[in-house]
Amino acid sequence: MDLFANANYDFLSKRKFAAIFSAILILIGLFSIIFHNGLRLGIDFQGGTLLQLQFDNPVQIGDIRSALEGHGFANAEIQRFGAEDEVIIRVQQTSGGGTETSDQIQTALSDALQDNPFQVRRTEEVGPQIGSELRGKAVLAILSAMLGMVIYITLRFELKFAVAAIIAIVHDVLVTLGVFSVLNLEINLPIIAAFLTIVGYSLNDTIVIFDRVRENLKSLRREAYNKLINMSINQTLSRTIVTSVTTFLVVFVLWMWGGEVIRNFAFALVIGVVTGTYSTIYIASPVVVEWESRSKSTGRLQRKR
């Protein structure tokens, strides 16, 4: 199905506006991260105890907080988990930690809410040392993925294409992190998995256009470079739109109706699909054009000397 058989949109003429727009988005995200004193890390990276409890009857967050404050958990984070009778309680790692913290929370709630019994649906306990190791491994996983992509794209195309693809990927990750910071959403291991998925999706979309660019370079060598890139984007536009829309619909459905467990994961993918498609056209492609333009300018200056 070729929806844009004769597409001839001048995408690259808008690259300066796109660059400004992207810079604004990234700056908003960075300011938000600074304002929040860093990203909101989950139990996976910070260390602590998480309890998912289901009560027999609807429960008030204020009642739970009052019960926990009386037992030394004034900084506990409490939020509903879908229904009115189900909550998640997060407590940062204490000196006791582990099972002792979980038992203390359950005891505090059992004493204070005797007329509303509960069941423990899920328990997660991570020590601070393990959390620190997981943070390091998560960063290493993303950096390793990017390094592998640089090597692959450089071997298959040229260095300028690899640099353009990495800049687009960094853009997508920064925008997604910024949105999570602005909305104060938690960063945990599933979100890191979502980031790696975004990296792969963005790269795949970029590779499709770069592959068409390589083909056109062989048959249209005399064509201006920016026109050739723009032509390649238009030639692959149908595939890009169909793939992006179908992927977006799937992750959007997961985000809206997939349940609380995968909601943030799906939301990260929703952002990633949009930014991945956008960055391929308005970030990666313009970087290649600018690189080629500067290379030619440098070459002309050297010949004059």
Protein backbone atom coordinates (compact mmCIF):
# COMPACT_ATOMS: atom_id res chain seq x y z
CA MET A 1 0.00 0.00 0.00
CA ASP A 2 1.69 3.18 -1.23
CA LEU A 3 -0.08 6.12 0.39
CA PHE A 4 2.46 8.70 -0.79
CA ALA A 5 3.44 7.47 -4.24
CA ASN A 6 4.16 10.95 -5.58
CA ALA A 7 5.16 12.68 -2.36
CA ASN A 8 7.37 15.71 -2.84
CA TYR A 9 7.48 17.47 0.53
CA ASP A 10 10.40 19.75 1.30
CA PHE A 11 11.23 18.43 4.75
CA LEU A 12 14.76 19.78 4.91
CA SER A 13 13.64 23.39 4.42
CA LYS A 14 12.14 23.16 7.93
CA ARG A 15 15.25 21.76 9.57
CA LYS A 16 16.16 24.97 11.40
CA PHE A 17 12.71 25.26 12.94
CA ALA A 18 12.87 21.56 13.86
CA ALA A 19 16.27 22.07 15.51
CA ILE A 20 14.91 24.96 17.58
CA PHE A 21 11.83 22.95 18.54
CA SER A 22 13.95 19.97 19.60
CA ALA A 23 16.31 22.18 21.58
CA ILE A 24 13.36 23.70 23.45
CA LEU A 25 11.97 20.24 24.29
CA ILE A 26 15.33 19.02 25.55
CA LEU A 27 15.94 22.18 27.61
CA ILE A 28 12.51 21.87 29.24
CA GLY A 29 13.36 18.30 30.15
CA LEU A 30 16.78 19.23 31.55
CA PHE A 31 15.32 22.08 33.61
CA SER A 32 12.69 19.70 34.93
CA ILE A 33 15.36 17.18 35.93
CA ILE A 34 17.27 19.93 37.76
CA PHE A 35 14.06 21.17 39.41
CA HIS A 36 13.23 17.67 40.63
CA ASN A 37 16.82 17.12 41.85
CA GLY A 38 17.33 14.34 39.34
CA LEU A 39 15.14 11.68 37.83
CA ARG A 40 12.61 9.85 39.95
CA LEU A 41 14.33 6.48 40.29
CA GLY A 42 12.37 3.37 41.19
CA ILE A 43 13.17 0.72 43.76
CA ASP A 44 15.26 -1.08 41.13
CA PHE A 45 17.87 1.70 41.08
CA GLN A 46 17.45 3.42 44.42
CA GLY A 47 17.09 0.49 46.78
CA GLY A 48 14.18 0.02 49.12
CA THR A 49 10.94 -1.87 49.60
CA LEU A 50 7.80 -1.95 47.48
CA LEU A 51 4.51 -3.45 48.59
CA GLN A 52 1.39 -3.86 46.48
CA LEU A 53 -1.61 -4.35 48.75
CA GLN A 54 -5.23 -5.13 47.97
CA PHE A 55 -7.76 -4.29 50.71
CA ASP A 56 -11.15 -5.90 51.15
CA ASN A 57 -12.81 -2.48 50.89
CA PRO A 58 -11.85 0.89 49.33
CA VAL A 59 -9.16 2.59 51.39
CA GLN A 60 -8.13 6.23 51.80
CA ILE A 61 -4.54 7.22 51.09
CA GLY A 62 -4.63 9.54 54.10
CA ASP A 63 -5.48 6.67 56.46
CA ILE A 64 -2.56 4.63 55.16
CA ARG A 65 -0.19 7.57 55.47
CA SER A 66 -1.29 8.25 59.05
CA ALA A 67 -0.71 4.62 59.98
CA LEU A 68 2.77 4.58 58.45
CA GLU A 69 3.84 7.92 59.91
CA GLY A 70 3.21 6.53 63.39
CA HIS A 71 5.73 3.77 62.73
CA GLY A 72 8.54 5.87 61.28
CA PHE A 73 7.63 5.76 57.58
CA ALA A 74 6.70 9.41 57.13
CA ASN A 75 8.48 9.56 53.74
CA ALA A 76 6.71 6.54 52.30
CA GLU A 77 5.32 7.03 48.80
CA ILE A 78 1.72 5.83 48.47
CA GLN A 79 -0.35 5.69 45.30
CA ARG A 80 -3.38 3.86 44.02
CA PHE A 81 -2.84 0.95 41.68
CA GLY A 82 -5.88 1.07 39.42
CA ALA A 83 -8.77 0.31 41.80
CA GLU A 84 -9.87 2.13 44.96
CA ASP A 85 -8.97 -0.89 47.10
CA GLU A 86 -5.44 -1.43 45.78
CA VAL A 87 -2.33 0.61 46.56
CA ILE A 88 1.42 0.57 46.10
CA ILE A 89 3.69 1.64 48.94
CA ARG A 90 7.35 2.51 48.29
CA VAL A 91 9.85 3.04 51.08
CA GLN A 92 13.49 3.95 50.52
CA GLN A 93 16.10 1.65 51.99
CA THR A 94 16.44 1.96 55.76
CA SER A 95 19.06 0.64 58.14
CA GLY A 96 17.02 -2.48 58.75
CA GLY A 97 15.66 -2.86 55.24
CA GLY A 98 14.49 -5.96 53.49
CA THR A 99 11.95 -8.27 55.09
CA GLU A 100 12.03 -6.26 58.33
CA THR A 101 10.71 -3.14 56.55
CA SER A 102 7.99 -5.12 54.79
CA ASP A 103 6.88 -6.72 58.06
CA GLN A 104 6.82 -3.37 59.86
CA ILE A 105 4.62 -1.82 57.15
CA GLN A 106 2.18 -4.74 57.24
CA THR A 107 2.05 -4.64 61.03
CA ALA A 108 1.42 -0.89 61.05
CA LEU A 109 -1.46 -1.18 58.58
CA SER A 110 -2.97 -4.24 60.27
CA ASP A 111 -3.06 -2.40 63.61
CA ALA A 112 -4.46 0.85 62.21
CA LEU A 113 -6.94 -0.62 59.70
CA GLN A 114 -8.28 -3.62 61.57
CA ASP A 115 -11.72 -3.30 59.96
CA ASN A 116 -10.24 -3.42 56.45
CA PRO A 117 -7.97 -6.48 56.00
CA PHE A 118 -5.57 -6.65 53.05
CA GLN A 119 -3.61 -9.13 50.98
CA VAL A 120 -0.03 -8.67 49.82
CA ARG A 121 -0.10 -8.97 46.03
CA ARG A 122 3.54 -8.15 45.38
CA THR A 123 6.74 -7.47 47.31
CA GLU A 124 9.98 -6.09 45.91
CA GLU A 125 13.10 -5.54 48.00
CA VAL A 126 16.36 -4.17 46.61
CA GLY A 127 19.43 -3.22 48.61
CA PRO A 128 21.25 0.08 47.93
CA GLN A 129 24.35 -1.73 46.63
CA ILE A 130 22.32 -3.74 44.13
CA GLY A 131 20.44 -0.60 43.10
CA SER A 132 23.72 1.17 42.41
CA GLU A 133 24.97 -1.76 40.34
CA LEU A 134 21.75 -1.84 38.34
CA ARG A 135 22.07 1.88 37.57
CA GLY A 136 25.56 1.34 36.24
CA LYS A 137 24.54 -1.66 34.16
CA ALA A 138 21.55 0.19 32.72
CA VAL A 139 23.74 3.07 31.54
CA LEU A 140 26.31 0.59 30.23
CA ALA A 141 23.61 -1.27 28.27
CA ILE A 142 22.46 1.89 26.51
CA LEU A 143 26.02 3.08 25.77
CA SER A 144 27.00 -0.37 24.49
CA ALA A 145 24.00 -0.42 22.19
CA MET A 146 24.94 2.98 20.79
CA LEU A 147 28.58 1.96 20.29
CA GLY A 148 27.51 -1.16 18.41
CA MET A 149 25.28 0.97 16.20
CA VAL A 150 28.10 3.40 15.41
CA ILE A 151 30.33 0.51 14.31
CA TYR A 152 27.56 -1.14 12.27
CA ILE A 153 26.44 2.02 10.46
CA THR A 154 30.02 3.15 9.82
CA LEU A 155 30.83 -0.19 8.19
CA ARG A 156 27.60 -0.32 6.20
CA PHE A 157 27.47 3.37 5.21
CA GLU A 158 29.87 6.11 6.34
CA LEU A 159 30.87 7.75 9.59
CA LYS A 160 28.62 10.77 8.95
CA PHE A 161 25.58 8.49 8.78
CA ALA A 162 26.60 6.83 12.05
CA VAL A 163 27.02 10.17 13.82
CA ALA A 164 23.66 11.39 12.48
CA ALA A 165 21.91 8.22 13.69
CA ILE A 166 23.43 8.48 17.17
CA ILE A 167 22.48 12.16 17.48
CA ALA A 168 18.90 11.23 16.56
CA ILE A 169 18.89 8.41 19.14
CA VAL A 170 20.30 10.66 21.87
CA HIS A 171 17.60 13.19 20.96
CA ASP A 172 14.87 10.54 21.36
CA VAL A 173 16.19 9.34 24.73
CA LEU A 174 16.58 12.89 26.08
CA VAL A 175 13.07 13.89 25.00
CA THR A 176 11.59 10.76 26.59
CA LEU A 177 13.55 11.31 29.81
CA GLY A 178 12.39 14.93 29.82
CA VAL A 179 8.74 13.94 29.50
CA PHE A 180 9.13 11.43 32.34
CA SER A 181 10.74 14.12 34.49
CA VAL A 182 8.07 16.74 33.71
CA LEU A 183 5.33 14.24 34.59
CA ASN A 184 7.38 12.94 37.56
CA LEU A 185 7.12 9.35 36.36
CA GLU A 186 9.31 6.60 37.77
CA ILE A 187 12.39 5.28 35.99
CA ASN A 188 12.88 1.54 36.59
CA LEU A 189 14.20 -1.50 34.74
CA PRO A 190 11.16 -1.87 32.44
CA ILE A 191 11.63 1.78 31.41
CA ILE A 192 15.27 1.07 30.54
CA ALA A 193 13.98 -1.79 28.40
CA ALA A 194 11.63 0.71 26.76
CA PHE A 195 14.57 3.06 26.07
CA LEU A 196 16.50 0.24 24.39
CA THR A 197 13.40 -0.53 22.32
CA ILE A 198 13.18 3.15 21.34
CA VAL A 199 16.84 3.07 20.32
CA GLY A 200 16.21 0.06 18.08
CA TYR A 201 13.04 1.49 16.58
CA SER A 202 14.61 4.86 15.83
CA LEU A 203 17.66 3.24 14.26
CA ASN A 204 15.54 0.93 12.10
CA ASP A 205 13.58 3.87 10.71
CA THR A 206 16.77 5.82 10.08
CA ILE A 207 18.47 2.90 8.32
CA VAL A 208 15.57 2.62 5.84
CA ILE A 209 16.08 6.22 4.69
CA PHE A 210 19.88 5.97 4.69
CA ASP A 211 19.67 2.83 2.57
CA ARG A 212 17.59 4.69 0.01
CA VAL A 213 20.08 7.58 0.13
CA ARG A 214 22.90 5.16 -0.69
CA GLU A 215 20.97 3.80 -3.66
CA ASN A 216 20.20 7.28 -4.95
CA LEU A 217 23.83 8.36 -4.57
CA LYS A 218 24.78 5.70 -7.10
CA SER A 219 22.21 6.68 -9.70
CA LEU A 220 21.87 10.43 -9.07
CA ARG A 221 25.41 11.56 -8.36
CA ARG A 222 24.98 14.97 -9.95
CA GLU A 223 21.89 15.82 -7.88
CA ALA A 224 22.34 18.36 -5.09
CA TYR A 225 22.91 16.52 -1.80
CA ASN A 226 20.06 18.14 0.10
CA LYS A 227 17.65 17.43 -2.77
CA LEU A 228 18.83 13.82 -2.88
CA ILE A 229 18.22 13.39 0.87
CA ASN A 230 14.81 15.02 0.60
CA MET A 231 13.95 12.76 -2.34
CA SER A 232 14.96 9.70 -0.30
CA ILE A 233 12.73 10.74 2.61
CA ASN A 234 9.77 11.17 0.26
CA GLN A 235 10.41 7.83 -1.44
CA THR A 236 10.30 6.01 1.91
CA LEU A 237 7.54 8.18 3.41
CA SER A 238 4.78 5.65 2.80
CA ARG A 239 6.68 2.92 4.59
CA THR A 240 7.59 5.27 7.44
CA ILE A 241 4.02 6.44 8.00
CA VAL A 242 2.45 2.97 7.78
CA THR A 243 5.01 1.45 10.15
CA SER A 244 4.84 4.32 12.62
CA VAL A 245 1.05 4.52 12.72
CA THR A 246 0.56 0.78 13.19
CA THR A 247 3.23 0.63 15.89
CA PHE A 248 1.80 3.71 17.58
CA LEU A 249 -1.70 2.22 17.68
CA VAL A 250 -0.43 -0.95 19.37
CA VAL A 251 1.56 0.81 22.09
CA PHE A 252 -1.21 3.39 22.57
CA VAL A 253 -3.71 0.60 23.27
CA LEU A 254 -1.25 -0.93 25.74
CA TRP A 255 -0.83 2.43 27.43
CA MET A 256 -4.55 3.11 27.73
CA TRP A 257 -5.88 -0.36 28.57
CA GLY A 258 -2.88 -2.57 29.32
CA GLY A 259 -3.06 -2.08 33.09
CA GLU A 260 -0.92 -0.29 35.65
CA VAL A 261 1.93 -2.80 35.50
CA ILE A 262 2.97 -1.85 31.94
CA ARG A 263 1.45 1.62 31.73
CA ASN A 264 4.69 3.59 32.06
CA PHE A 265 6.54 1.13 29.81
CA ALA A 266 3.92 1.56 27.09
CA PHE A 267 3.89 5.35 27.59
CA ALA A 268 7.65 5.48 26.99
CA LEU A 269 7.13 3.56 23.75
CA VAL A 270 4.34 5.95 22.70
CA ILE A 271 6.78 8.85 23.06
CA GLY A 272 9.55 6.84 21.40
CA VAL A 273 7.53 6.00 18.29
CA VAL A 274 6.63 9.66 17.77
CA THR A 275 10.12 11.03 18.47
CA GLY A 276 11.79 8.20 16.51
CA THR A 277 9.84 9.03 13.37
CA TYR A 278 10.35 12.76 13.85
CA SER A 279 14.09 12.52 14.54
CA THR A 280 14.74 10.34 11.49
CA ILE A 281 13.35 13.05 9.21
CA TYR A 282 14.23 16.24 11.06
CA ILE A 283 17.36 15.31 13.05
CA ALA A 284 19.34 12.50 11.41
CA SER A 285 18.80 13.56 7.79
CA PRO A 286 19.67 17.26 8.35
CA VAL A 287 22.84 16.25 10.22
CA VAL A 288 24.01 14.29 7.16
CA VAL A 289 23.24 17.27 4.93
CA GLU A 290 25.12 19.69 7.19
CA TRP A 291 28.08 17.29 7.47
CA GLU A 292 28.30 16.97 3.68
CA SER A 293 27.97 20.74 3.22
CA ARG A 294 30.76 21.48 5.71
CA SER A 295 32.98 18.77 4.19
CA LYS A 296 32.64 20.32 0.74
CA SER A 297 33.31 23.82 2.12
CA THR A 298 36.43 22.58 3.90
CA GLY A 299 37.59 20.82 0.73
CA ARG A 300 37.19 23.98 -1.35
CA LEU A 301 39.16 26.03 1.19
CA GLN A 302 42.00 23.52 1.20
CA ARG A 303 42.17 23.51 -2.61
CA LYS A 304 42.37 27.33 -2.65
CA ARG A 305 45.32 27.24 -0.27
